[in-house]
């Protein structure tokens, strides 16, 4: 299950624990809909995700590609240490890390700072 909200001008997609095969493509549909609506800064909240299988990693990579093709930025927040290691090993963390993403102003800090559960700083 994927839920969508927004904070500080960035769309936040709260990804539920079911981010595993079989592929449902719910995440892809949500990202595509936001991009069609003109949203260009999307943050995936992975707080409820304990595991990502190969299909879900592929879906994250596809969502990143969709966002990049639309001149947008896609990042992740609240990934557990285990997920961050997995994302790093696959090369996705470097692409989706909200700490390194090109966010407007200080929005990642607002979204991912201590009140939101991470220490993202964002780059201008």
C-alpha atoms as a PDB file:
ATOM      1  CA  UNK A   1       0.000   0.000   0.000  1.00  0.00           C
ATOM      2  CA  UNK A   2       1.253   3.444  -0.883  1.00  0.00           C
ATOM      3  CA  UNK A   3      -0.111   6.692   0.559  1.00  0.00           C
ATOM      4  CA  UNK A   4       0.606  10.190  -0.719  1.00  0.00           C
ATOM      5  CA  UNK A   5       0.892  13.414   1.286  1.00  0.00           C
ATOM      6  CA  UNK A   6       2.945  16.582   1.094  1.00  0.00           C
ATOM      7  CA  UNK A   7       5.133  18.715   3.302  1.00  0.00           C
ATOM      8  CA  UNK A   8       7.146  21.860   2.586  1.00  0.00           C
ATOM      9  CA  UNK A   9       6.349  21.707  -1.149  1.00  0.00           C
ATOM     10  CA  UNK A  10       7.604  18.142  -1.583  1.00  0.00           C
ATOM     11  CA  UNK A  11       5.254  15.211  -2.232  1.00  0.00           C
ATOM     12  CA  UNK A  12       5.765  12.464   0.325  1.00  0.00           C
ATOM     13  CA  UNK A  13       4.822   8.916  -0.612  1.00  0.00           C
ATOM     14  CA  UNK A  14       4.469   6.750   2.461  1.00  0.00           C
ATOM     15  CA  UNK A  15       5.368   3.260   1.331  1.00  0.00           C
ATOM     16  CA  UNK A  16       3.737   0.430   3.267  1.00  0.00           C
ATOM     17  CA  UNK A  17       5.277  -2.867   4.334  1.00  0.00           C
ATOM     18  CA  UNK A  18       3.982  -4.708   1.261  1.00  0.00           C
ATOM     19  CA  UNK A  19       6.759  -3.514  -1.045  1.00  0.00           C
ATOM     20  CA  UNK A  20       7.519  -7.061  -2.238  1.00  0.00           C
ATOM     21  CA  UNK A  21       6.614  -9.374  -5.115  1.00  0.00           C
ATOM     22  CA  UNK A  22       4.261  -9.918  -6.796  1.00  0.00           C
ATOM     23  CA  UNK A  23       4.743  -6.596  -8.517  1.00  0.00           C
ATOM     24  CA  UNK A  24       1.711  -4.386  -8.048  1.00  0.00           C
ATOM     25  CA  UNK A  25       3.219  -1.244  -9.589  1.00  0.00           C
ATOM     26  CA  UNK A  26       1.329   0.937  -7.111  1.00  0.00           C
ATOM     27  CA  UNK A  27       4.460   2.986  -6.445  1.00  0.00           C
ATOM     28  CA  UNK A  28       5.026   3.532 -10.159  1.00  0.00           C
ATOM     29  CA  UNK A  29       1.429   4.662 -10.627  1.00  0.00           C
ATOM     30  CA  UNK A  30       1.661   7.135  -7.724  1.00  0.00           C
ATOM     31  CA  UNK A  31       4.958   8.595  -8.926  1.00  0.00           C
ATOM     32  CA  UNK A  32       3.637   8.877 -12.495  1.00  0.00           C
ATOM     33  CA  UNK A  33       0.461  10.614 -11.300  1.00  0.00           C
ATOM     34  CA  UNK A  34       2.457  13.137  -9.253  1.00  0.00           C
ATOM     35  CA  UNK A  35       4.737  13.842 -12.205  1.00  0.00           C
ATOM     36  CA  UNK A  36       1.726  14.336 -14.503  1.00  0.00           C
ATOM     37  CA  UNK A  37       0.386  16.840 -11.949  1.00  0.00           C
ATOM     38  CA  UNK A  38       3.622  18.826 -12.183  1.00  0.00           C
ATOM     39  CA  UNK A  39       5.246  17.657  -8.935  1.00  0.00           C
ATOM     40  CA  UNK A  40       9.018  17.496  -9.357  1.00  0.00           C
ATOM     41  CA  UNK A  41      10.245  16.740  -5.803  1.00  0.00           C
ATOM     42  CA  UNK A  42       9.120  13.385  -4.406  1.00  0.00           C
ATOM     43  CA  UNK A  43      10.261  11.770  -1.185  1.00  0.00           C
ATOM     44  CA  UNK A  44       9.612   8.080  -0.480  1.00  0.00           C
ATOM     45  CA  UNK A  45       9.039   7.425   3.214  1.00  0.00           C
ATOM     46  CA  UNK A  46      10.272   3.867   3.851  1.00  0.00           C
ATOM     47  CA  UNK A  47       9.661   3.840   7.622  1.00  0.00           C
ATOM     48  CA  UNK A  48       7.219   0.918   7.373  1.00  0.00           C
ATOM     49  CA  UNK A  49       9.320  -1.137   4.936  1.00  0.00           C
ATOM     50  CA  UNK A  50      11.385  -3.902   6.540  1.00  0.00           C
ATOM     51  CA  UNK A  51      12.503  -5.704   3.368  1.00  0.00           C
ATOM     52  CA  UNK A  52      12.924  -5.028  -0.341  1.00  0.00           C
ATOM     53  CA  UNK A  53      13.074  -7.915  -2.785  1.00  0.00           C
ATOM     54  CA  UNK A  54      14.520  -7.731  -6.306  1.00  0.00           C
ATOM     55  CA  UNK A  55      11.164  -6.780  -7.837  1.00  0.00           C
ATOM     56  CA  UNK A  56      10.763  -3.844  -5.432  1.00  0.00           C
ATOM     57  CA  UNK A  57      14.329  -2.680  -6.027  1.00  0.00           C
ATOM     58  CA  UNK A  58      13.492  -2.697  -9.719  1.00  0.00           C
ATOM     59  CA  UNK A  59      10.360  -0.680  -9.037  1.00  0.00           C
ATOM     60  CA  UNK A  60      12.390   1.900  -7.094  1.00  0.00           C
ATOM     61  CA  UNK A  61      14.873   2.108  -9.978  1.00  0.00           C
ATOM     62  CA  UNK A  62      12.006   2.544 -12.448  1.00  0.00           C
ATOM     63  CA  UNK A  63      10.393   5.258 -10.296  1.00  0.00           C
ATOM     64  CA  UNK A  64      13.771   7.022 -10.181  1.00  0.00           C
ATOM     65  CA  UNK A  65      14.056   6.831 -13.983  1.00  0.00           C
ATOM     66  CA  UNK A  66      10.514   8.191 -14.459  1.00  0.00           C
ATOM     67  CA  UNK A  67      11.304  11.094 -12.140  1.00  0.00           C
ATOM     68  CA  UNK A  68      14.650  11.816 -13.754  1.00  0.00           C
ATOM     69  CA  UNK A  69      13.072  11.793 -17.230  1.00  0.00           C
ATOM     70  CA  UNK A  70      10.581  14.413 -15.966  1.00  0.00           C
ATOM     71  CA  UNK A  71      13.440  16.591 -14.635  1.00  0.00           C
ATOM     72  CA  UNK A  72      12.432  15.744 -11.088  1.00  0.00           C
ATOM     73  CA  UNK A  73      14.109  14.517  -7.925  1.00  0.00           C
ATOM     74  CA  UNK A  74      13.220  11.313  -6.082  1.00  0.00           C
ATOM     75  CA  UNK A  75      14.651  10.561  -2.647  1.00  0.00           C
ATOM     76  CA  UNK A  76      14.126   8.159   0.237  1.00  0.00           C
ATOM     77  CA  UNK A  77      13.711   8.830   3.937  1.00  0.00           C
ATOM     78  CA  UNK A  78      13.454   6.642   7.019  1.00  0.00           C
ATOM     79  CA  UNK A  79      15.139   3.640   5.452  1.00  0.00           C
ATOM     80  CA  UNK A  80      16.327   1.246   8.150  1.00  0.00           C
ATOM     81  CA  UNK A  81      20.039   0.498   8.401  1.00  0.00           C
ATOM     82  CA  UNK A  82      19.383  -2.838   6.708  1.00  0.00           C
ATOM     83  CA  UNK A  83      17.573  -1.168   3.795  1.00  0.00           C
ATOM     84  CA  UNK A  84      20.271   1.497   3.470  1.00  0.00           C
ATOM     85  CA  UNK A  85      22.920  -1.242   3.172  1.00  0.00           C
ATOM     86  CA  UNK A  86      20.844  -3.026   0.524  1.00  0.00           C
ATOM     87  CA  UNK A  87      20.237   0.207  -1.382  1.00  0.00           C
ATOM     88  CA  UNK A  88      23.951   1.049  -1.168  1.00  0.00           C
ATOM     89  CA  UNK A  89      24.985  -2.388  -2.469  1.00  0.00           C
ATOM     90  CA  UNK A  90      22.686  -2.028  -5.466  1.00  0.00           C
ATOM     91  CA  UNK A  91      23.821   1.532  -6.184  1.00  0.00           C
ATOM     92  CA  UNK A  92      20.351   2.949  -5.566  1.00  0.00           C
ATOM     93  CA  UNK A  93      21.254   4.774  -2.365  1.00  0.00           C
ATOM     94  CA  UNK A  94      23.549   7.151  -4.245  1.00  0.00           C
ATOM     95  CA  UNK A  95      20.631   7.985  -6.555  1.00  0.00           C
ATOM     96  CA  UNK A  96      17.849   8.128  -3.970  1.00  0.00           C
ATOM     97  CA  UNK A  97      19.628   9.468  -0.891  1.00  0.00           C
ATOM     98  CA  UNK A  98      17.768  12.567   0.299  1.00  0.00           C
ATOM     99  CA  UNK A  99      21.015  13.742   1.926  1.00  0.00           C
ATOM    100  CA  UNK A 100      22.579  14.204  -1.511  1.00  0.00           C
ATOM    101  CA  UNK A 101      19.549  15.007  -3.622  1.00  0.00           C
ATOM    102  CA  UNK A 102      19.062  18.365  -5.302  1.00  0.00           C
ATOM    103  CA  UNK A 103      16.189  19.717  -3.217  1.00  0.00           C
ATOM    104  CA  UNK A 104      14.777  23.221  -3.259  1.00  0.00           C
ATOM    105  CA  UNK A 105      15.923  25.379  -0.358  1.00  0.00           C
ATOM    106  CA  UNK A 106      16.189  23.440   2.911  1.00  0.00           C
ATOM    107  CA  UNK A 107      13.142  21.243   2.357  1.00  0.00           C
ATOM    108  CA  UNK A 108      14.909  17.914   2.925  1.00  0.00           C
ATOM    109  CA  UNK A 109      16.073  19.192   6.304  1.00  0.00           C
ATOM    110  CA  UNK A 110      12.503  20.171   7.097  1.00  0.00           C
ATOM    111  CA  UNK A 111      11.186  16.809   5.945  1.00  0.00           C
ATOM    112  CA  UNK A 112      13.953  14.548   7.150  1.00  0.00           C
ATOM    113  CA  UNK A 113      15.421  16.482  10.034  1.00  0.00           C
ATOM    114  CA  UNK A 114      15.157  15.356  13.644  1.00  0.00           C
ATOM    115  CA  UNK A 115      11.388  15.863  13.749  1.00  0.00           C
ATOM    116  CA  UNK A 116      10.945  13.636  10.696  1.00  0.00           C
ATOM    117  CA  UNK A 117      13.539  11.057  11.727  1.00  0.00           C
ATOM    118  CA  UNK A 118      16.698  11.632   9.704  1.00  0.00           C
ATOM    119  CA  UNK A 119      19.449  14.156   9.290  1.00  0.00           C
ATOM    120  CA  UNK A 120      19.111  15.092   5.618  1.00  0.00           C
ATOM    121  CA  UNK A 121      20.714  18.368   4.767  1.00  0.00           C
ATOM    122  CA  UNK A 122      20.142  18.691   1.004  1.00  0.00           C
ATOM    123  CA  UNK A 123      22.200  20.553  -1.517  1.00  0.00           C
ATOM    124  CA  UNK A 124      21.233  23.838  -3.118  1.00  0.00           C
END
